[in-house]
PDB file of N, CA and C in Angstrom:
ATOM      1  N   MET A   1       0.901  -1.193   0.066  1.00  0.00           N
ATOM      2  CA  MET A   1      -0.042   0.019  -0.009  1.00  0.00           C
ATOM      3  C   MET A   1       0.985   1.305   0.010  1.00  0.00           C
ATOM      4  N   ALA A   2       0.484   2.167  -0.897  1.00  0.00           N
ATOM      5  CA  ALA A   2       1.327   3.460  -1.007  1.00  0.00           C
ATOM      6  C   ALA A   2       0.970   4.342   0.131  1.00  0.00           C
ATOM      7  N   ARG A   3       1.986   5.086   0.580  1.00  0.00           N
ATOM      8  CA  ARG A   3       1.689   6.030   1.650  1.00  0.00           C
ATOM      9  C   ARG A   3       1.588   7.415   1.072  1.00  0.00           C
ATOM     10  N   LYS A   4       0.529   8.051   1.490  1.00  0.00           N
ATOM     11  CA  LYS A   4       0.281   9.398   0.839  1.00  0.00           C
ATOM     12  C   LYS A   4       0.639  10.493   1.962  1.00  0.00           C
ATOM     13  N   VAL A   5       1.276  11.545   1.544  1.00  0.00           N
ATOM     14  CA  VAL A   5       1.622  12.598   2.326  1.00  0.00           C
ATOM     15  C   VAL A   5       0.952  13.781   1.937  1.00  0.00           C
ATOM     16  N   ILE A   6       0.238  14.467   2.975  1.00  0.00           N
ATOM     17  CA  ILE A   6      -0.386  15.710   2.589  1.00  0.00           C
ATOM     18  C   ILE A   6       0.438  16.886   3.446  1.00  0.00           C
ATOM     19  N   ASN A   7       0.924  17.757   2.701  1.00  0.00           N
ATOM     20  CA  ASN A   7       1.556  18.925   3.418  1.00  0.00           C
ATOM     21  C   ASN A   7       0.483  19.999   3.552  1.00  0.00           C
ATOM     22  N   CYS A   8       0.219  20.310   4.767  1.00  0.00           N
ATOM     23  CA  CYS A   8      -0.903  21.242   5.009  1.00  0.00           C
ATOM     24  C   CYS A   8      -0.419  22.717   4.884  1.00  0.00           C
ATOM     25  N   ALA A   9      -1.091  23.471   4.294  1.00  0.00           N
ATOM     26  CA  ALA A   9      -0.832  24.974   4.213  1.00  0.00           C
ATOM     27  C   ALA A   9      -1.304  25.609   5.529  1.00  0.00           C
ATOM     28  N   PRO A  10      -0.548  26.713   5.861  1.00  0.00           N
ATOM     29  CA  PRO A  10      -1.099  27.452   6.962  1.00  0.00           C
ATOM     30  C   PRO A  10      -2.426  28.062   6.729  1.00  0.00           C
ATOM     31  N   VAL A  11      -3.312  28.359   7.707  1.00  0.00           N
ATOM     32  CA  VAL A  11      -4.321  29.156   7.534  1.00  0.00           C
ATOM     33  C   VAL A  11      -4.045  30.652   7.281  1.00  0.00           C
ATOM     34  N   SER A  12      -4.684  31.335   6.261  1.00  0.00           N
ATOM     35  CA  SER A  12      -4.403  32.698   6.069  1.00  0.00           C
ATOM     36  C   SER A  12      -5.049  33.522   7.096  1.00  0.00           C
ATOM     37  N   GLU A  13      -4.457  34.542   7.402  1.00  0.00           N
ATOM     38  CA  GLU A  13      -4.882  35.585   8.405  1.00  0.00           C
ATOM     39  C   GLU A  13      -4.672  36.828   7.948  1.00  0.00           C
ATOM     40  N   ILE A  14      -5.609  37.881   8.199  1.00  0.00           N
ATOM     41  CA  ILE A  14      -5.407  39.337   7.957  1.00  0.00           C
ATOM     42  C   ILE A  14      -5.678  39.940   9.243  1.00  0.00           C
ATOM     43  N   GLU A  15      -4.891  41.098   9.512  1.00  0.00           N
ATOM     44  CA  GLU A  15      -5.205  41.894  10.732  1.00  0.00           C
ATOM     45  C   GLU A  15      -5.668  43.208  10.205  1.00  0.00           C
ATOM     46  N   ILE A  16      -6.953  43.557  10.501  1.00  0.00           N
ATOM     47  CA  ILE A  16      -7.594  44.841  10.066  1.00  0.00           C
ATOM     48  C   ILE A  16      -7.347  45.858  11.152  1.00  0.00           C
ATOM     49  N   ILE A  17      -6.809  46.955  10.841  1.00  0.00           N
ATOM     50  CA  ILE A  17      -6.540  48.114  11.794  1.00  0.00           C
ATOM     51  C   ILE A  17      -7.487  49.159  11.324  1.00  0.00           C
ATOM     52  N   THR A  18      -8.477  49.585  12.080  1.00  0.00           N
ATOM     53  CA  THR A  18      -9.310  50.809  11.709  1.00  0.00           C
ATOM     54  C   THR A  18      -8.794  51.999  11.975  1.00  0.00           C
ATOM     55  N   ALA A  19      -9.255  53.085  11.373  1.00  0.00           N
ATOM     56  CA  ALA A  19      -8.794  54.528  11.540  1.00  0.00           C
ATOM     57  C   ALA A  19      -8.769  54.811  13.082  1.00  0.00           C
ATOM     58  N   GLU A  20      -9.629  54.239  13.778  1.00  0.00           N
ATOM     59  CA  GLU A  20      -9.794  54.397  15.372  1.00  0.00           C
ATOM     60  C   GLU A  20      -8.707  53.670  16.146  1.00  0.00           C
ATOM     61  N   GLY A  21      -7.893  52.822  15.370  1.00  0.00           N
ATOM     62  CA  GLY A  21      -6.838  51.952  15.934  1.00  0.00           C
ATOM     63  C   GLY A  21      -7.356  50.668  16.458  1.00  0.00           C
ATOM     64  N   GLU A  22      -8.562  50.302  16.235  1.00  0.00           N
ATOM     65  CA  GLU A  22      -9.099  49.040  16.596  1.00  0.00           C
ATOM     66  C   GLU A  22      -8.510  47.847  15.767  1.00  0.00           C
ATOM     67  N   ASN A  23      -8.051  46.828  16.382  1.00  0.00           N
ATOM     68  CA  ASN A  23      -7.474  45.705  15.635  1.00  0.00           C
ATOM     69  C   ASN A  23      -8.442  44.571  15.629  1.00  0.00           C
ATOM     70  N   THR A  24      -8.527  43.902  14.377  1.00  0.00           N
ATOM     71  CA  THR A  24      -9.488  42.786  14.212  1.00  0.00           C
ATOM     72  C   THR A  24      -8.729  41.651  13.573  1.00  0.00           C
ATOM     73  N   LEU A  25      -8.620  40.459  14.037  1.00  0.00           N
ATOM     74  CA  LEU A  25      -8.006  39.409  13.349  1.00  0.00           C
ATOM     75  C   LEU A  25      -8.889  38.524  12.593  1.00  0.00           C
ATOM     76  N   LEU A  26      -8.737  38.400  11.332  1.00  0.00           N
ATOM     77  CA  LEU A  26      -9.510  37.567  10.395  1.00  0.00           C
ATOM     78  C   LEU A  26      -8.766  36.223  10.191  1.00  0.00           C
ATOM     79  N   ARG A  27      -9.363  35.205  10.368  1.00  0.00           N
ATOM     80  CA  ARG A  27      -8.816  33.754  10.066  1.00  0.00           C
ATOM     81  C   ARG A  27      -9.664  33.220   8.922  1.00  0.00           C
ATOM     82  N   PHE A  28      -9.032  32.957   7.838  1.00  0.00           N
ATOM     83  CA  PHE A  28      -9.744  32.352   6.734  1.00  0.00           C
ATOM     84  C   PHE A  28      -9.524  30.801   6.762  1.00  0.00           C
ATOM     85  N   ASP A  29     -10.320  30.070   7.736  1.00  0.00           N
ATOM     86  CA  ASP A  29     -10.292  28.744   7.962  1.00  0.00           C
ATOM     87  C   ASP A  29     -11.502  28.144   7.630  1.00  0.00           C
ATOM     88  N   ILE A  30     -11.707  26.856   7.898  1.00  0.00           N
ATOM     89  CA  ILE A  30     -12.913  26.027   7.564  1.00  0.00           C
ATOM     90  C   ILE A  30     -14.093  26.571   8.296  1.00  0.00           C
ATOM     91  N   LEU A  31     -13.886  27.105   9.468  1.00  0.00           N
ATOM     92  CA  LEU A  31     -14.935  27.648  10.293  1.00  0.00           C
ATOM     93  C   LEU A  31     -15.474  28.895   9.686  1.00  0.00           C
ATOM     94  N   ALA A  32     -14.698  29.754   9.136  1.00  0.00           N
ATOM     95  CA  ALA A  32     -15.174  30.951   8.406  1.00  0.00           C
ATOM     96  C   ALA A  32     -16.052  30.584   7.110  1.00  0.00           C
ATOM     97  N   LEU A  33     -15.473  29.595   6.505  1.00  0.00           N
ATOM     98  CA  LEU A  33     -16.362  29.063   5.311  1.00  0.00           C
ATOM     99  C   LEU A  33     -17.423  28.591   5.734  1.00  0.00           C
ATOM    100  N   GLN A  34     -17.636  27.705   6.697  1.00  0.00           N
ATOM    101  CA  GLN A  34     -18.918  27.212   7.091  1.00  0.00           C
ATOM    102  C   GLN A  34     -19.851  28.193   7.563  1.00  0.00           C
ATOM    103  N   GLU A  35     -19.354  29.238   8.446  1.00  0.00           N
ATOM    104  CA  GLU A  35     -20.188  30.354   8.818  1.00  0.00           C
ATOM    105  C   GLU A  35     -20.712  31.051   7.540  1.00  0.00           C
ATOM    106  N   LEU A  36     -19.931  31.412   6.640  1.00  0.00           N
ATOM    107  CA  LEU A  36     -20.280  32.200   5.426  1.00  0.00           C
ATOM    108  C   LEU A  36     -21.484  31.370   4.711  1.00  0.00           C
ATOM    109  N   GLN A  37     -21.254  30.159   4.441  1.00  0.00           N
ATOM    110  CA  GLN A  37     -22.061  29.392   3.895  1.00  0.00           C
ATOM    111  C   GLN A  37     -23.423  29.233   4.507  1.00  0.00           C
ATOM    112  N   SER A  38     -23.399  29.063   5.892  1.00  0.00           N
ATOM    113  CA  SER A  38     -24.623  29.072   6.518  1.00  0.00           C
ATOM    114  C   SER A  38     -25.508  30.286   6.497  1.00  0.00           C
ATOM    115  N   MET A  39     -24.753  31.424   6.322  1.00  0.00           N
ATOM    116  CA  MET A  39     -25.422  32.753   6.275  1.00  0.00           C
ATOM    117  C   MET A  39     -25.894  33.046   4.852  1.00  0.00           C
ATOM    118  N   ALA A  40     -25.225  32.694   3.965  1.00  0.00           N
ATOM    119  CA  ALA A  40     -25.478  33.246   2.539  1.00  0.00           C
ATOM    120  C   ALA A  40     -26.002  32.076   1.661  1.00  0.00           C
ATOM    121  N   GLY A  41     -25.942  30.866   2.203  1.00  0.00           N
ATOM    122  CA  GLY A  41     -26.477  29.773   1.464  1.00  0.00           C
ATOM    123  C   GLY A  41     -25.313  29.256   0.463  1.00  0.00           C
ATOM    124  N   SER A  42     -24.551  30.104  -0.251  1.00  0.00           N
ATOM    125  CA  SER A  42     -23.545  29.741  -1.101  1.00  0.00           C
ATOM    126  C   SER A  42     -22.718  31.064  -1.306  1.00  0.00           C
ATOM    127  N   LEU A  43     -21.447  30.890  -1.609  1.00  0.00           N
ATOM    128  CA  LEU A  43     -20.594  31.919  -1.971  1.00  0.00           C
ATOM    129  C   LEU A  43     -21.058  32.794  -3.274  1.00  0.00           C
ATOM    130  N   THR A  44     -21.617  32.073  -4.128  1.00  0.00           N
ATOM    131  CA  THR A  44     -22.324  32.730  -5.342  1.00  0.00           C
ATOM    132  C   THR A  44     -23.321  33.655  -4.895  1.00  0.00           C
ATOM    133  N   GLU A  45     -24.241  33.139  -3.989  1.00  0.00           N
ATOM    134  CA  GLU A  45     -25.403  33.966  -3.408  1.00  0.00           C
ATOM    135  C   GLU A  45     -24.880  35.225  -2.709  1.00  0.00           C
ATOM    136  N   ALA A  46     -23.874  35.063  -1.877  1.00  0.00           N
ATOM    137  CA  ALA A  46     -23.267  36.104  -1.167  1.00  0.00           C
ATOM    138  C   ALA A  46     -22.677  37.158  -2.159  1.00  0.00           C
ATOM    139  N   ALA A  47     -22.027  36.698  -3.259  1.00  0.00           N
ATOM    140  CA  ALA A  47     -21.417  37.748  -4.129  1.00  0.00           C
ATOM    141  C   ALA A  47     -22.512  38.388  -4.968  1.00  0.00           C
ATOM    142  N   GLU A  48     -23.588  37.821  -5.157  1.00  0.00           N
ATOM    143  CA  GLU A  48     -24.729  38.501  -5.871  1.00  0.00           C
ATOM    144  C   GLU A  48     -25.383  39.517  -4.998  1.00  0.00           C
ATOM    145  N   GLN A  49     -25.032  39.671  -3.800  1.00  0.00           N
ATOM    146  CA  GLN A  49     -25.556  40.678  -2.915  1.00  0.00           C
ATOM    147  C   GLN A  49     -24.772  42.010  -3.081  1.00  0.00           C
ATOM    148  N   GLY A  50     -23.642  41.911  -3.853  1.00  0.00           N
ATOM    149  CA  GLY A  50     -22.739  43.089  -3.947  1.00  0.00           C
ATOM    150  C   GLY A  50     -21.538  42.846  -3.063  1.00  0.00           C
ATOM    151  N   VAL A  51     -20.513  43.546  -3.481  1.00  0.00           N
ATOM    152  CA  VAL A  51     -19.170  43.320  -2.869  1.00  0.00           C
ATOM    153  C   VAL A  51     -19.220  43.912  -1.541  1.00  0.00           C
ATOM    154  N   GLY A  52     -19.944  44.913  -1.188  1.00  0.00           N
ATOM    155  CA  GLY A  52     -19.983  45.443   0.199  1.00  0.00           C
ATOM    156  C   GLY A  52     -20.494  44.491   1.125  1.00  0.00           C
ATOM    157  N   GLU A  53     -21.667  43.935   0.831  1.00  0.00           N
ATOM    158  CA  GLU A  53     -22.309  42.860   1.556  1.00  0.00           C
ATOM    159  C   GLU A  53     -21.325  41.613   1.600  1.00  0.00           C
ATOM    160  N   LEU A  54     -20.863  41.181   0.512  1.00  0.00           N
ATOM    161  CA  LEU A  54     -19.890  40.016   0.579  1.00  0.00           C
ATOM    162  C   LEU A  54     -18.712  40.203   1.419  1.00  0.00           C
ATOM    163  N   ALA A  55     -18.096  41.388   1.392  1.00  0.00           N
ATOM    164  CA  ALA A  55     -17.089  41.622   2.314  1.00  0.00           C
ATOM    165  C   ALA A  55     -17.382  41.689   3.731  1.00  0.00           C
ATOM    166  N   ALA A  56     -18.621  42.235   3.944  1.00  0.00           N
ATOM    167  CA  ALA A  56     -19.183  42.308   5.471  1.00  0.00           C
ATOM    168  C   ALA A  56     -19.324  40.743   5.910  1.00  0.00           C
ATOM    169  N   LEU A  57     -19.955  40.085   5.151  1.00  0.00           N
ATOM    170  CA  LEU A  57     -20.086  38.610   5.373  1.00  0.00           C
ATOM    171  C   LEU A  57     -18.845  37.931   5.689  1.00  0.00           C
ATOM    172  N   ILE A  58     -17.748  38.143   4.873  1.00  0.00           N
ATOM    173  CA  ILE A  58     -16.423  37.516   5.051  1.00  0.00           C
ATOM    174  C   ILE A  58     -15.897  38.060   6.296  1.00  0.00           C
ATOM    175  N   LEU A  59     -15.923  39.390   6.675  1.00  0.00           N
ATOM    176  CA  LEU A  59     -15.331  39.880   7.874  1.00  0.00           C
ATOM    177  C   LEU A  59     -16.039  39.190   9.030  1.00  0.00           C
ATOM    178  N   TYR A  60     -17.198  39.156   8.929  1.00  0.00           N
ATOM    179  CA  TYR A  60     -18.089  38.530  10.136  1.00  0.00           C
ATOM    180  C   TYR A  60     -17.636  37.060  10.333  1.00  0.00           C
ATOM    181  N   ALA A  61     -17.712  36.278   9.220  1.00  0.00           N
ATOM    182  CA  ALA A  61     -17.549  34.942   9.328  1.00  0.00           C
ATOM    183  C   ALA A  61     -16.037  34.643   9.869  1.00  0.00           C
ATOM    184  N   ALA A  62     -15.065  35.408   9.231  1.00  0.00           N
ATOM    185  CA  ALA A  62     -13.643  35.242   9.555  1.00  0.00           C
ATOM    186  C   ALA A  62     -13.268  35.861  10.905  1.00  0.00           C
ATOM    187  N   GLY A  63     -14.004  36.835  11.294  1.00  0.00           N
ATOM    188  CA  GLY A  63     -13.632  37.461  12.655  1.00  0.00           C
ATOM    189  C   GLY A  63     -14.531  36.971  13.825  1.00  0.00           C
ATOM    190  N   LYS A  64     -15.610  36.265  13.668  1.00  0.00           N
ATOM    191  CA  LYS A  64     -16.468  35.811  14.522  1.00  0.00           C
ATOM    192  C   LYS A  64     -15.702  34.958  15.670  1.00  0.00           C
ATOM    193  N   HIS A  65     -14.842  34.093  15.186  1.00  0.00           N
ATOM    194  CA  HIS A  65     -14.350  33.166  16.346  1.00  0.00           C
ATOM    195  C   HIS A  65     -13.117  33.742  16.877  1.00  0.00           C
ATOM    196  N   GLN A  66     -12.634  34.880  16.392  1.00  0.00           N
ATOM    197  CA  GLN A  66     -11.423  35.535  16.939  1.00  0.00           C
ATOM    198  C   GLN A  66     -11.739  36.683  17.889  1.00  0.00           C
ATOM    199  N   ASP A  67     -12.919  37.311  17.571  1.00  0.00           N
ATOM    200  CA  ASP A  67     -13.328  38.513  18.326  1.00  0.00           C
ATOM    201  C   ASP A  67     -14.817  38.394  18.791  1.00  0.00           C
ATOM    202  N   GLU A  68     -14.931  38.248  20.012  1.00  0.00           N
ATOM    203  CA  GLU A  68     -16.409  38.015  20.586  1.00  0.00           C
ATOM    204  C   GLU A  68     -17.356  39.181  20.406  1.00  0.00           C
ATOM    205  N   THR A  69     -16.759  40.315  20.043  1.00  0.00           N
ATOM    206  CA  THR A  69     -17.620  41.490  19.815  1.00  0.00           C
ATOM    207  C   THR A  69     -18.050  41.591  18.339  1.00  0.00           C
ATOM    208  N   MET A  70     -17.519  40.748  17.608  1.00  0.00           N
ATOM    209  CA  MET A  70     -17.828  40.837  16.112  1.00  0.00           C
ATOM    210  C   MET A  70     -19.349  40.456  15.870  1.00  0.00           C
ATOM    211  N   THR A  71     -20.032  41.349  15.144  1.00  0.00           N
ATOM    212  CA  THR A  71     -21.469  41.058  14.757  1.00  0.00           C
ATOM    213  C   THR A  71     -21.442  41.373  13.269  1.00  0.00           C
ATOM    214  N   LEU A  72     -22.512  41.072  12.495  1.00  0.00           N
ATOM    215  CA  LEU A  72     -22.687  41.380  11.218  1.00  0.00           C
ATOM    216  C   LEU A  72     -22.720  42.861  10.973  1.00  0.00           C
ATOM    217  N   GLU A  73     -23.420  43.520  11.972  1.00  0.00           N
ATOM    218  CA  GLU A  73     -23.599  44.883  11.822  1.00  0.00           C
ATOM    219  C   GLU A  73     -22.323  45.695  11.963  1.00  0.00           C
ATOM    220  N   LYS A  74     -21.510  45.118  12.930  1.00  0.00           N
ATOM    221  CA  LYS A  74     -20.164  45.710  13.086  1.00  0.00           C
ATOM    222  C   LYS A  74     -19.294  45.585  11.848  1.00  0.00           C
ATOM    223  N   ALA A  75     -19.486  44.356  11.174  1.00  0.00           N
ATOM    224  CA  ALA A  75     -18.655  44.098   9.985  1.00  0.00           C
ATOM    225  C   ALA A  75     -19.155  44.917   8.873  1.00  0.00           C
ATOM    226  N   ARG A  76     -20.411  45.271   8.853  1.00  0.00           N
ATOM    227  CA  ARG A  76     -21.061  46.230   7.747  1.00  0.00           C
ATOM    228  C   ARG A  76     -20.470  47.615   7.988  1.00  0.00           C
ATOM    229  N   ARG A  77     -20.440  48.070   9.269  1.00  0.00           N
ATOM    230  CA  ARG A  77     -19.934  49.442   9.529  1.00  0.00           C
ATOM    231  C   ARG A  77     -18.455  49.443   9.140  1.00  0.00           C
ATOM    232  N   MET A  78     -17.621  48.467   9.420  1.00  0.00           N
ATOM    233  CA  MET A  78     -16.140  48.443   9.086  1.00  0.00           C
ATOM    234  C   MET A  78     -15.993  48.537   7.584  1.00  0.00           C
ATOM    235  N   VAL A  79     -16.777  47.739   6.749  1.00  0.00           N
ATOM    236  CA  VAL A  79     -16.681  47.816   5.273  1.00  0.00           C
ATOM    237  C   VAL A  79     -17.004  49.253   4.827  1.00  0.00           C
ATOM    238  N   VAL A  80     -17.993  49.766   5.256  1.00  0.00           N
ATOM    239  CA  VAL A  80     -18.445  51.081   4.918  1.00  0.00           C
ATOM    240  C   VAL A  80     -17.270  52.182   5.090  1.00  0.00           C
ATOM    241  N   CYS A  81     -16.495  52.057   6.109  1.00  0.00           N
ATOM    242  CA  CYS A  81     -15.431  52.989   6.464  1.00  0.00           C
ATOM    243  C   CYS A  81     -14.060  52.579   5.656  1.00  0.00           C
ATOM    244  N   MET A  82     -14.081  51.591   4.895  1.00  0.00           N
ATOM    245  CA  MET A  82     -12.854  51.062   4.190  1.00  0.00           C
ATOM    246  C   MET A  82     -12.730  51.745   2.792  1.00  0.00           C
ATOM    247  N   HIS A  83     -11.416  51.874   2.401  1.00  0.00           N
ATOM    248  CA  HIS A  83     -11.082  52.201   1.055  1.00  0.00           C
ATOM    249  C   HIS A  83     -11.600  51.113   0.137  1.00  0.00           C
ATOM    250  N   PRO A  84     -12.151  51.349  -1.030  1.00  0.00           N
ATOM    251  CA  PRO A  84     -12.615  50.159  -1.959  1.00  0.00           C
ATOM    252  C   PRO A  84     -11.445  49.188  -2.262  1.00  0.00           C
ATOM    253  N   GLN A  85     -10.207  49.591  -2.389  1.00  0.00           N
ATOM    254  CA  GLN A  85      -9.182  48.634  -2.552  1.00  0.00           C
ATOM    255  C   GLN A  85      -8.985  47.661  -1.476  1.00  0.00           C
ATOM    256  N   ASN A  86      -9.149  48.219  -0.158  1.00  0.00           N
ATOM    257  CA  ASN A  86      -9.037  47.219   0.924  1.00  0.00           C
ATOM    258  C   ASN A  86     -10.049  46.220   1.026  1.00  0.00           C
ATOM    259  N   VAL A  87     -11.349  46.640   0.563  1.00  0.00           N
ATOM    260  CA  VAL A  87     -12.601  45.765   0.493  1.00  0.00           C
ATOM    261  C   VAL A  87     -12.123  44.702  -0.450  1.00  0.00           C
ATOM    262  N   ASN A  88     -11.603  45.125  -1.682  1.00  0.00           N
ATOM    263  CA  ASN A  88     -11.196  44.139  -2.766  1.00  0.00           C
ATOM    264  C   ASN A  88     -10.191  43.083  -2.295  1.00  0.00           C
ATOM    265  N   ASP A  89      -9.129  43.648  -1.456  1.00  0.00           N
ATOM    266  CA  ASP A  89      -8.088  42.891  -0.940  1.00  0.00           C
ATOM    267  C   ASP A  89      -8.676  41.766  -0.005  1.00  0.00           C
ATOM    268  N   ILE A  90      -9.600  42.169   0.787  1.00  0.00           N
ATOM    269  CA  ILE A  90     -10.244  41.065   1.586  1.00  0.00           C
ATOM    270  C   ILE A  90     -10.970  39.989   0.915  1.00  0.00           C
ATOM    271  N   VAL A  91     -11.822  40.390  -0.069  1.00  0.00           N
ATOM    272  CA  VAL A  91     -12.518  39.451  -0.855  1.00  0.00           C
ATOM    273  C   VAL A  91     -11.499  38.562  -1.622  1.00  0.00           C
ATOM    274  N   ASP A  92     -10.491  39.022  -2.153  1.00  0.00           N
ATOM    275  CA  ASP A  92      -9.493  38.329  -3.003  1.00  0.00           C
ATOM    276  C   ASP A  92      -8.715  37.460  -2.041  1.00  0.00           C
ATOM    277  N   GLU A  93      -8.305  37.922  -0.865  1.00  0.00           N
ATOM    278  CA  GLU A  93      -7.505  37.043   0.091  1.00  0.00           C
ATOM    279  C   GLU A  93      -8.382  35.895   0.429  1.00  0.00           C
ATOM    280  N   PHE A  94      -9.672  36.178   0.758  1.00  0.00           N
ATOM    281  CA  PHE A  94     -10.564  34.981   1.124  1.00  0.00           C
ATOM    282  C   PHE A  94     -10.698  33.983   0.120  1.00  0.00           C
ATOM    283  N   ALA A  95     -10.906  34.535  -1.139  1.00  0.00           N
ATOM    284  CA  ALA A  95     -11.053  33.504  -2.275  1.00  0.00           C
ATOM    285  C   ALA A  95      -9.772  32.799  -2.556  1.00  0.00           C
ATOM    286  N   GLU A  96      -8.646  33.365  -2.370  1.00  0.00           N
ATOM    287  CA  GLU A  96      -7.390  32.757  -2.560  1.00  0.00           C
ATOM    288  C   GLU A  96      -7.158  31.682  -1.507  1.00  0.00           C
ATOM    289  N   SER A  97      -7.491  32.020  -0.242  1.00  0.00           N
ATOM    290  CA  SER A  97      -7.206  31.113   0.856  1.00  0.00           C
ATOM    291  C   SER A  97      -8.121  29.898   0.763  1.00  0.00           C
ATOM    292  N   MET A  98      -9.158  29.950   0.170  1.00  0.00           N
ATOM    293  CA  MET A  98     -10.051  28.778   0.057  1.00  0.00           C
ATOM    294  C   MET A  98      -9.759  27.941  -1.144  1.00  0.00           C
ATOM    295  N   GLY A  99      -8.794  28.332  -2.066  1.00  0.00           N
ATOM    296  CA  GLY A  99      -8.273  27.536  -3.016  1.00  0.00           C
ATOM    297  C   GLY A  99      -9.267  26.938  -3.820  1.00  0.00           C
ATOM    298  N   THR A 100      -9.152  25.509  -4.097  1.00  0.00           N
ATOM    299  CA  THR A 100     -10.027  24.818  -4.853  1.00  0.00           C
ATOM    300  C   THR A 100     -11.477  24.689  -4.282  1.00  0.00           C
ATOM    301  N   VAL A 101     -11.599  25.072  -3.018  1.00  0.00           N
ATOM    302  CA  VAL A 101     -12.950  24.952  -2.523  1.00  0.00           C
ATOM    303  C   VAL A 101     -14.024  25.920  -3.129  1.00  0.00           C
ATOM    304  N   ILE A 102     -13.415  26.984  -3.551  1.00  0.00           N
ATOM    305  CA  ILE A 102     -14.186  28.131  -4.295  1.00  0.00           C
ATOM    306  C   ILE A 102     -14.046  27.732  -5.798  1.00  0.00           C
ATOM    307  N   LYS A 103     -15.217  27.584  -6.428  1.00  0.00           N
ATOM    308  CA  LYS A 103     -15.197  27.334  -7.776  1.00  0.00           C
ATOM    309  C   LYS A 103     -14.971  28.588  -8.697  1.00  0.00           C
ATOM    310  N   GLU A 104     -14.534  28.419  -9.816  1.00  0.00           N
ATOM    311  CA  GLU A 104     -14.106  29.523 -10.740  1.00  0.00           C
ATOM    312  C   GLU A 104     -15.422  30.498 -10.903  1.00  0.00           C
ATOM    313  N   GLU A 105     -16.521  29.849 -11.037  1.00  0.00           N
ATOM    314  CA  GLU A 105     -17.655  30.725 -11.255  1.00  0.00           C
ATOM    315  C   GLU A 105     -18.036  31.621  -9.954  1.00  0.00           C
ATOM    316  N   GLN A 106     -17.674  31.130  -8.752  1.00  0.00           N
ATOM    317  CA  GLN A 106     -17.827  32.013  -7.588  1.00  0.00           C
ATOM    318  C   GLN A 106     -16.785  33.036  -7.550  1.00  0.00           C
ATOM    319  N   ARG A 107     -15.568  32.768  -8.036  1.00  0.00           N
ATOM    320  CA  ARG A 107     -14.555  33.861  -8.224  1.00  0.00           C
ATOM    321  C   ARG A 107     -15.006  34.960  -9.131  1.00  0.00           C
ATOM    322  N   GLU A 108     -15.680  34.489 -10.257  1.00  0.00           N
ATOM    323  CA  GLU A 108     -16.080  35.256 -11.173  1.00  0.00           C
ATOM    324  C   GLU A 108     -17.136  36.255 -10.659  1.00  0.00           C
ATOM    325  N   ALA A 109     -18.072  35.634 -10.002  1.00  0.00           N
ATOM    326  CA  ALA A 109     -19.262  36.494  -9.385  1.00  0.00           C
ATOM    327  C   ALA A 109     -18.643  37.452  -8.441  1.00  0.00           C
ATOM    328  N   ALA A 110     -17.680  37.219  -7.475  1.00  0.00           N
ATOM    329  CA  ALA A 110     -17.080  38.201  -6.729  1.00  0.00           C
ATOM    330  C   ALA A 110     -16.371  39.190  -7.411  1.00  0.00           C
ATOM    331  N   LYS A 111     -15.608  39.047  -8.568  1.00  0.00           N
ATOM    332  CA  LYS A 111     -14.978  39.941  -9.398  1.00  0.00           C
ATOM    333  C   LYS A 111     -16.006  40.910 -10.004  1.00  0.00           C
ATOM    334  N   LYS A 112     -17.176  40.175 -10.458  1.00  0.00           N
ATOM    335  CA  LYS A 112     -18.267  41.107 -11.131  1.00  0.00           C
ATOM    336  C   LYS A 112     -18.804  42.021 -10.018  1.00  0.00           C
ATOM    337  N   ALA A 113     -19.029  41.537  -8.884  1.00  0.00           N
ATOM    338  CA  ALA A 113     -19.640  42.367  -7.847  1.00  0.00           C
ATOM    339  C   ALA A 113     -18.817  43.524  -7.612  1.00  0.00           C
ATOM    340  N   MET A 114     -17.368  43.288  -7.478  1.00  0.00           N
ATOM    341  CA  MET A 114     -16.447  44.344  -7.221  1.00  0.00           C
ATOM    342  C   MET A 114     -16.496  45.350  -8.420  1.00  0.00           C
ATOM    343  N   ALA A 115     -16.481  44.814  -9.605  1.00  0.00           N
ATOM    344  CA  ALA A 115     -16.521  45.774 -10.774  1.00  0.00           C
ATOM    345  C   ALA A 115     -17.740  46.711 -10.668  1.00  0.00           C
ATOM    346  N   GLN A 116     -18.918  46.204 -10.397  1.00  0.00           N
ATOM    347  CA  GLN A 116     -20.120  46.933 -10.259  1.00  0.00           C
ATOM    348  C   GLN A 116     -20.111  47.911  -9.061  1.00  0.00           C
ATOM    349  N   PHE A 117     -19.448  47.507  -7.948  1.00  0.00           N
ATOM    350  CA  PHE A 117     -19.289  48.488  -6.921  1.00  0.00           C
ATOM    351  C   PHE A 117     -18.321  49.576  -7.333  1.00  0.00           C
ATOM    352  N   LEU A 118     -17.227  49.328  -7.893  1.00  0.00           N
ATOM    353  CA  LEU A 118     -16.273  50.359  -8.303  1.00  0.00           C
ATOM    354  C   LEU A 118     -16.877  51.277  -9.296  1.00  0.00           C
ATOM    355  N   GLU A 119     -17.698  50.783 -10.287  1.00  0.00           N
ATOM    356  CA  GLU A 119     -18.454  51.503 -11.293  1.00  0.00           C
ATOM    357  C   GLU A 119     -19.334  52.450 -10.652  1.00  0.00           C
ATOM    358  N   GLY A 120     -20.043  52.068  -9.574  1.00  0.00           N
ATOM    359  CA  GLY A 120     -21.056  52.895  -8.794  1.00  0.00           C
ATOM    360  C   GLY A 120     -20.382  53.980  -8.122  1.00  0.00           C
ATOM    361  N   ILE A 121     -19.270  53.781  -7.595  1.00  0.00           N
ATOM    362  CA  ILE A 121     -18.650  54.966  -6.876  1.00  0.00           C
ATOM    363  C   ILE A 121     -17.913  56.014  -7.796  1.00  0.00           C
ATOM    364  N   MET A 122     -17.660  55.511  -8.985  1.00  0.00           N
ATOM    365  CA  MET A 122     -16.847  56.382  -9.911  1.00  0.00           C
ATOM    366  C   MET A 122     -17.835  57.207 -10.640  1.00  0.00           C
ATOM    367  N   LYS A 123     -19.325  57.012 -10.538  1.00  0.00           N
ATOM    368  CA  LYS A 123     -20.193  57.941 -11.284  1.00  0.00           C
ATOM    369  C   LYS A 123     -20.377  59.154 -10.472  1.00  0.00           C
TER     370      LYS A 123
END
């Protein structure tokens, strides 16, 4: 019988520092993915809600187990105060950290939502 070796990649983490100096640690692990899917049904459905809401869902799901004060409303307030590029970076990092768990169509839905968001603020 052949022995199989699986080299595990470390969990991706992002530290968010707000303008007020508040630090929030986001861990893009399986718990975050499960939380996001339980809230939105699927990543595609979350992306269809727009990049702001997608980013808030990601912030909440990835921060919930690290910060006991994290709520979805707090995550939404954080997203509203962020530069659009920071919002895009969070969504991209989450998608990258999930690797093959996220299908290409879901990545495209997230990119489309970001493009629509950026077009809206440029008008």
